[in-house]
Structure formats: structure tokens, C-alpha cells
Amino acid sequence: AAFNAQSASEAARIAADEKMKQEALAKVKAEVKKERVEEKPQEVEVDEDEEFHKKFMAELKRAQGKKIKVKKKKQEVQEEKEPETDKSAPKVWPPPAPMPKAKQESTDEPEEKKEGEFDENDVDEEGDTKNRIFDDAEQDGEGAGPAPEASFFELADQFVTKKELPPVDHSKIDYKPFRKNFYIQVKEITKMKDHEVDEFRKMNSDIRVRGKHCPRPIKTFLQCGLEDKILKVLDKRDMETPFPIQMQAIPALMSGRDVIGVAATGSG
């Protein structure tokens, strides 16, 4: 028992010494780390977005300054070219028509007329002028001041107008004859008697027909004369027998007849 107590106290002492060593080591490490942090210079954080924004705004101001300078130069050049006018006078549109020049009476011999000039002697008894040539600018309306800006709807009417096609008289055109009747009645339906056809119509939703020489109804899609591709699609969709309206309308339509159909599945 004494040996066990001694060994336990020895183990406790060793554990305490180990713990003190670990605490001292951790303390030293913390001090070293703190010194390194203090020695390291603090880096100034730079926001890249803010720096880019500043550069962009400076470049934009410089470009705007250039545009203003160019605009001022253009205005100065235009002012130099234009004659001095009374800027205080209000602008009137349309401008007043120019006053006709006063007739110059002279006793001297008239000068030779140039081509295109207007002379009083060119007016005959009826008051019509001879050899008068109008200026292109006068005809086109140039020199009458700037025209007002047209609205969007006026421009649309001007440029997006529909072209009206001339009426066509089909009676005067010689069209080539074409075939309207594509229906060929199968033998199975041709061999049916009239009372059998009537019974078949009554059995299928009581089909009623009005008209002259209306074709007999079909029983399956195979009797329509359709292509193999269409028949395969119908088989995939499990459409074995047509609706009653299809039984009677398909032969009539393929025969080139005008049809008005009224049924529960649709009318037209």
C-alpha cells in the first residue's frame, strides 16, 4: 500500500511538471507570435472597384471637356461665316415671302436677254407667260425655311403604306383545268346495297345526309386511299375506325364537293 501511494504521488508530480512545461511553452509561443505581428507592417487595403471608379470618372470628365471645346470651336466658325443679324428679333415660321423688286424704268435700249430671264414683253394678250423657267428650288419649296419635324405616325404613314393590288378579273384569265375529284370508291362499299348503306348510317350515330349524289360513307381509314405514312401514324395512335362525321365527310371532300358538317365532335 505504501508502495502504491508513493508511485501515485510520483505520477502526479510528473503530470504536474508536464503540465507546467506545456503552459510555459504555449506562453512563449504566444509572445513570439505577438512580436511577429507587431513587427509586420500593416498593409493598406486598396479597394479595386473604388480605384477603377475614380479613373473612369477622370477619363469621362476629360472626354466631356474635349467635346465642349470642339462644340465651342464649331459655333465660333459658324458665327464668323453667318452675317450679323438682329438676334433680339423673334424668329417667325414660315418666313415672310420676299418683296418683289421694283420695276426699273429706263429709256435706254434694253439689254440682251439671257436664257431663262423673264421679261414683261413675254406676256401675250391672254396673260400667259412665254419661255418662263421656274427655278428648281422654287418648285421643290426650298428656301421657305426649315420644315417642322414630322411625328412618328406621319412618318409611318409615309414610309409604311400598304400597296393596293389592282383587282383581278379571273373570267378573262385562261386557267389550266385541274382535277378536283381524288376519291376512288373501293369495291367493298360499291357492292353494298342501298338499304345496307342506310342501316350503316343509322348504326353510326344516325348519319343524315342532304344533297344530290352524295358518296357513301367509309368504314375504315384504309378505304380513304391515304398514304402508308399516314396510316402508320393512325395505327400508332390506336385510331382504327373514323368518327361518324369522318365516315361521311372524307369521301365527300375528296370528291371535290362543298360540305357543311354538324357533329358533336365539331362543326364547320
Protein backbone atom coordinates (compact mmCIF):
# COMPACT_ATOMS: atom_id res chain seq x y z
CA ALA A 1 0.00 0.00 0.00
CA ALA A 2 2.85 2.38 0.86
CA PHE A 3 4.50 1.50 -2.47
CA ASN A 4 1.31 2.23 -4.37
CA ALA A 5 0.83 5.56 -2.60
CA GLN A 6 4.42 6.52 -3.39
CA SER A 7 4.08 5.59 -7.04
CA ALA A 8 0.79 7.54 -7.29
CA SER A 9 2.35 10.67 -5.80
CA GLU A 10 5.31 10.32 -8.16
CA ALA A 11 2.95 10.06 -11.17
CA ALA A 12 1.01 13.12 -10.01
CA ARG A 13 4.22 15.09 -9.64
CA ILE A 14 5.37 14.07 -13.14
CA ALA A 15 1.97 15.05 -14.59
CA ALA A 16 2.09 18.44 -12.85
CA ASP A 17 5.61 19.07 -14.15
CA GLU A 18 4.49 18.15 -17.69
CA LYS A 19 1.52 20.48 -17.43
CA MET A 20 3.73 23.35 -16.28
CA LYS A 21 6.09 22.73 -19.20
CA GLN A 22 3.22 22.81 -21.70
CA GLU A 23 1.82 26.05 -20.23
CA ALA A 24 5.25 27.67 -20.35
CA LEU A 25 5.77 26.53 -23.95
CA ALA A 26 2.34 27.89 -25.01
CA LYS A 27 3.12 31.21 -23.29
CA VAL A 28 6.43 31.51 -25.14
CA LYS A 29 4.80 30.72 -28.46
CA ALA A 30 2.11 33.37 -27.89
CA GLU A 31 4.75 36.01 -27.08
CA VAL A 32 6.76 35.15 -30.20
CA LYS A 33 3.65 35.34 -32.38
CA LYS A 34 2.68 38.70 -30.89
CA GLU A 35 6.14 40.12 -31.57
CA ARG A 36 5.95 38.95 -35.22
CA VAL A 37 2.59 40.62 -35.69
CA GLU A 38 3.89 43.90 -34.24
CA GLU A 39 7.00 43.82 -36.45
CA LYS A 40 5.00 43.14 -39.66
CA PRO A 41 3.99 46.47 -41.31
CA GLN A 42 0.27 46.91 -41.76
CA GLU A 43 -0.69 46.80 -45.44
CA VAL A 44 -3.08 49.46 -46.61
CA GLU A 45 -6.18 47.85 -48.06
CA VAL A 46 -6.97 49.23 -51.51
CA ASP A 47 -10.44 48.83 -52.96
CA GLU A 48 -10.03 47.95 -56.65
CA ASP A 49 -13.58 49.00 -57.54
CA GLU A 50 -13.13 52.41 -55.95
CA GLU A 51 -9.83 52.95 -57.77
CA PHE A 52 -11.38 51.94 -61.12
CA HIS A 53 -14.35 54.25 -60.49
CA LYS A 54 -12.03 57.20 -59.87
CA LYS A 55 -10.05 56.53 -63.06
CA PHE A 56 -13.25 56.13 -65.07
CA MET A 57 -14.74 59.40 -63.80
CA ALA A 58 -11.50 61.26 -64.54
CA GLU A 59 -11.43 59.87 -68.10
CA LEU A 60 -15.10 60.75 -68.59
CA LYS A 61 -14.55 64.35 -67.45
CA ARG A 62 -11.60 64.67 -69.82
CA ALA A 63 -13.67 63.37 -72.78
CA GLN A 64 -16.56 65.71 -71.97
CA GLY A 65 -14.14 68.65 -71.79
CA LYS A 66 -12.86 67.79 -75.27
CA LYS A 67 -16.41 67.63 -76.67
CA ILE A 68 -17.28 71.03 -75.18
CA LYS A 69 -14.15 72.59 -76.70
CA VAL A 70 -14.92 71.15 -80.16
CA LYS A 71 -18.54 72.37 -79.94
CA LYS A 72 -17.41 75.88 -79.00
CA LYS A 73 -14.98 75.98 -81.92
CA LYS A 74 -17.74 74.93 -84.35
CA GLN A 75 -20.06 77.63 -83.02
CA GLU A 76 -17.33 80.26 -83.40
CA VAL A 77 -16.71 79.18 -87.01
CA GLN A 78 -20.44 79.32 -87.82
CA GLU A 79 -20.78 82.78 -86.25
CA GLU A 80 -17.89 84.05 -88.37
CA LYS A 81 -19.50 82.70 -91.56
CA GLU A 82 -23.04 83.91 -90.87
CA PRO A 83 -23.79 87.62 -91.47
CA GLU A 84 -24.57 89.76 -88.47
CA THR A 85 -28.32 89.81 -87.85
CA ASP A 86 -30.55 91.24 -85.19
CA LYS A 87 -30.53 88.39 -82.65
CA SER A 88 -33.11 90.08 -80.47
CA ALA A 89 -35.80 89.85 -83.19
CA PRO A 90 -38.11 86.84 -82.70
CA LYS A 91 -37.97 84.05 -85.26
CA VAL A 92 -41.11 83.63 -87.35
CA TRP A 93 -42.03 80.47 -89.25
CA PRO A 94 -42.77 80.36 -92.10
CA PRO A 95 -40.64 83.36 -93.02
CA PRO A 96 -42.34 86.18 -94.94
CA ALA A 97 -42.21 85.97 -98.72
CA PRO A 98 -39.59 88.21 -100.34
CA MET A 99 -40.87 91.53 -101.65
CA PRO A 100 -40.89 91.88 -105.45
CA LYS A 101 -38.24 94.11 -106.88
CA ALA A 102 -39.39 97.50 -108.18
CA LYS A 103 -39.56 97.86 -111.91
CA GLN A 104 -36.69 99.83 -113.25
CA GLU A 105 -37.82 102.21 -115.97
CA SER A 106 -35.11 103.22 -118.34
CA THR A 107 -35.16 104.97 -121.67
CA ASP A 108 -32.01 103.27 -122.73
CA GLU A 109 -32.07 100.38 -125.11
CA PRO A 110 -32.90 97.11 -123.43
CA GLU A 111 -30.01 94.80 -122.80
CA GLU A 112 -29.90 91.44 -124.43
CA LYS A 113 -31.95 88.88 -122.56
CA LYS A 114 -30.24 85.86 -121.12
CA GLU A 115 -31.75 82.45 -121.34
CA GLY A 116 -34.28 81.83 -118.59
CA GLU A 117 -34.87 85.53 -117.76
CA PHE A 118 -38.42 86.87 -117.52
CA ASP A 119 -39.43 89.97 -119.44
CA GLU A 120 -42.70 91.93 -119.48
CA ASN A 121 -42.83 91.62 -123.26
CA ASP A 122 -43.13 87.86 -122.93
CA VAL A 123 -46.76 88.19 -121.74
CA ASP A 124 -49.31 87.85 -124.56
CA GLU A 125 -52.91 89.14 -124.68
CA GLU A 126 -54.29 86.14 -122.76
CA GLY A 127 -51.91 86.78 -119.89
CA ASP A 128 -49.82 83.62 -120.31
CA THR A 129 -46.08 83.87 -119.92
CA LYS A 130 -43.71 82.64 -122.57
CA ASN A 131 -40.41 80.87 -122.07
CA ARG A 132 -40.57 81.20 -118.30
CA ILE A 133 -38.32 78.76 -116.47
CA PHE A 134 -39.02 78.09 -112.83
CA ASP A 135 -36.15 77.51 -110.53
CA ASP A 136 -35.85 74.02 -109.02
CA ALA A 137 -35.66 75.50 -105.58
CA GLU A 138 -38.92 77.35 -106.13
CA GLN A 139 -40.70 74.20 -107.33
CA ASP A 140 -39.40 71.99 -104.52
CA GLY A 141 -40.21 74.58 -101.88
CA GLU A 142 -36.59 75.18 -100.90
CA GLY A 143 -35.72 78.44 -99.24
CA ALA A 144 -39.05 78.53 -97.43
CA GLY A 145 -37.46 77.84 -94.06
CA PRO A 146 -36.95 74.57 -92.18
CA ALA A 147 -39.95 72.24 -92.23
CA PRO A 148 -41.37 71.17 -88.87
CA GLU A 149 -40.35 67.75 -87.61
CA ALA A 150 -42.88 65.07 -88.55
CA SER A 151 -44.31 62.84 -85.84
CA PHE A 152 -43.80 59.08 -85.67
CA PHE A 153 -47.28 58.34 -87.04
CA GLU A 154 -46.81 60.69 -90.01
CA LEU A 155 -43.51 59.04 -90.88
CA ALA A 156 -45.12 55.61 -90.54
CA ASP A 157 -47.93 56.61 -92.91
CA GLN A 158 -45.36 57.97 -95.35
CA PHE A 159 -42.96 55.03 -95.46
CA VAL A 160 -45.02 52.02 -94.29
CA THR A 161 -48.06 52.33 -96.52
CA LYS A 162 -49.65 49.18 -97.86
CA LYS A 163 -49.60 48.77 -101.62
CA GLU A 164 -53.07 48.24 -103.01
CA LEU A 165 -53.11 45.46 -105.58
CA PRO A 166 -55.24 46.02 -108.66
CA PRO A 167 -58.40 43.91 -108.92
CA VAL A 168 -58.12 40.74 -110.99
CA ASP A 169 -60.84 39.59 -113.37
CA HIS A 170 -60.49 35.80 -113.30
CA SER A 171 -63.06 35.39 -116.07
CA LYS A 172 -60.57 36.83 -118.58
CA ILE A 173 -57.73 34.51 -117.50
CA ASP A 174 -57.43 31.10 -119.13
CA TYR A 175 -56.56 28.71 -116.32
CA LYS A 176 -55.48 25.16 -117.00
CA PRO A 177 -58.07 22.59 -115.98
CA PHE A 178 -57.27 20.59 -112.83
CA ARG A 179 -58.76 17.59 -111.12
CA LYS A 180 -60.92 18.08 -108.03
CA ASN A 181 -62.12 14.52 -107.53
CA PHE A 182 -59.43 12.36 -105.85
CA TYR A 183 -61.77 9.80 -104.33
CA ILE A 184 -61.96 6.26 -105.66
CA GLN A 185 -64.64 4.12 -104.04
CA VAL A 186 -63.45 0.67 -103.01
CA LYS A 187 -65.25 -2.47 -104.18
CA GLU A 188 -66.40 -3.37 -100.68
CA ILE A 189 -68.51 -0.20 -100.47
CA THR A 190 -69.58 -0.35 -104.12
CA LYS A 191 -71.06 -3.84 -103.60
CA MET A 192 -73.18 -2.62 -100.67
CA LYS A 193 -76.89 -2.22 -101.43
CA ASP A 194 -78.83 0.96 -100.66
CA HIS A 195 -80.65 -0.47 -97.62
CA GLU A 196 -77.30 -1.69 -96.23
CA VAL A 197 -75.89 1.83 -96.57
CA ASP A 198 -78.93 3.28 -94.76
CA GLU A 199 -78.60 0.75 -91.94
CA PHE A 200 -74.85 1.51 -91.62
CA ARG A 201 -75.59 5.24 -91.31
CA LYS A 202 -78.25 4.61 -88.63
CA MET A 203 -75.92 2.35 -86.65
CA ASN A 204 -73.20 5.09 -86.60
CA SER A 205 -74.85 7.94 -84.70
CA ASP A 206 -77.70 8.13 -87.22
CA ILE A 207 -75.82 9.95 -90.01
CA ARG A 208 -78.16 12.16 -92.02
CA VAL A 209 -77.24 13.46 -95.48
CA ARG A 210 -78.72 16.18 -97.67
CA GLY A 211 -77.63 16.79 -101.22
CA LYS A 212 -77.52 15.21 -104.65
CA HIS A 213 -75.45 12.12 -105.39
CA CYS A 214 -73.65 12.15 -102.04
CA PRO A 215 -70.96 9.44 -101.82
CA ARG A 216 -71.41 6.50 -99.48
CA PRO A 217 -69.67 6.53 -96.07
CA ILE A 218 -66.46 4.62 -95.45
CA LYS A 219 -65.92 2.05 -92.70
CA THR A 220 -62.12 2.28 -92.10
CA PHE A 221 -59.26 4.66 -92.90
CA LEU A 222 -57.88 2.11 -95.35
CA GLN A 223 -60.81 2.90 -97.67
CA CYS A 224 -59.81 6.60 -97.96
CA GLY A 225 -56.82 5.95 -100.20
CA LEU A 226 -54.37 7.51 -97.73
CA GLU A 227 -50.59 7.05 -97.88
CA ASP A 228 -48.80 4.39 -95.85
CA LYS A 229 -47.09 7.05 -93.69
CA ILE A 230 -50.44 8.46 -92.58
CA LEU A 231 -51.88 5.03 -91.93
CA LYS A 232 -48.86 4.10 -89.76
CA VAL A 233 -49.34 7.23 -87.69
CA LEU A 234 -53.01 6.40 -87.22
CA ASP A 235 -52.08 2.87 -86.10
CA LYS A 236 -49.62 4.25 -83.53
CA ARG A 237 -52.37 6.47 -82.14
CA ASP A 238 -54.77 3.47 -81.97
CA MET A 239 -57.22 5.14 -84.35
CA GLU A 240 -58.80 2.14 -86.03
CA THR A 241 -62.19 3.46 -87.10
CA PRO A 242 -63.07 7.03 -88.07
CA PHE A 243 -65.72 9.14 -86.32
CA PRO A 244 -69.19 9.19 -87.88
CA ILE A 245 -68.62 12.71 -89.26
CA GLN A 246 -65.34 11.50 -90.82
CA MET A 247 -67.03 8.45 -92.35
CA GLN A 248 -69.34 10.64 -94.40
CA ALA A 249 -67.34 13.88 -94.82
CA ILE A 250 -63.99 12.46 -96.02
CA PRO A 251 -65.40 10.84 -99.21
CA ALA A 252 -67.41 13.98 -99.99
CA LEU A 253 -64.41 16.28 -99.54
CA MET A 254 -62.12 14.06 -101.59
CA SER A 255 -64.76 14.08 -104.33
CA GLY A 256 -64.45 17.88 -104.58
CA ARG A 257 -67.83 18.61 -103.01
CA ASP A 258 -68.66 21.54 -100.73
CA VAL A 259 -69.52 20.18 -97.29
CA ILE A 260 -71.10 21.63 -94.16
CA GLY A 261 -70.73 19.22 -91.27
CA VAL A 262 -72.53 19.37 -87.92
CA ALA A 263 -71.45 16.87 -85.26
CA ALA A 264 -70.85 16.50 -81.53
CA THR A 265 -67.06 16.45 -82.10
CA GLY A 266 -67.11 19.71 -84.08
CA SER A 267 -68.89 21.60 -86.81
CA GLY A 268 -67.68 23.50 -89.86
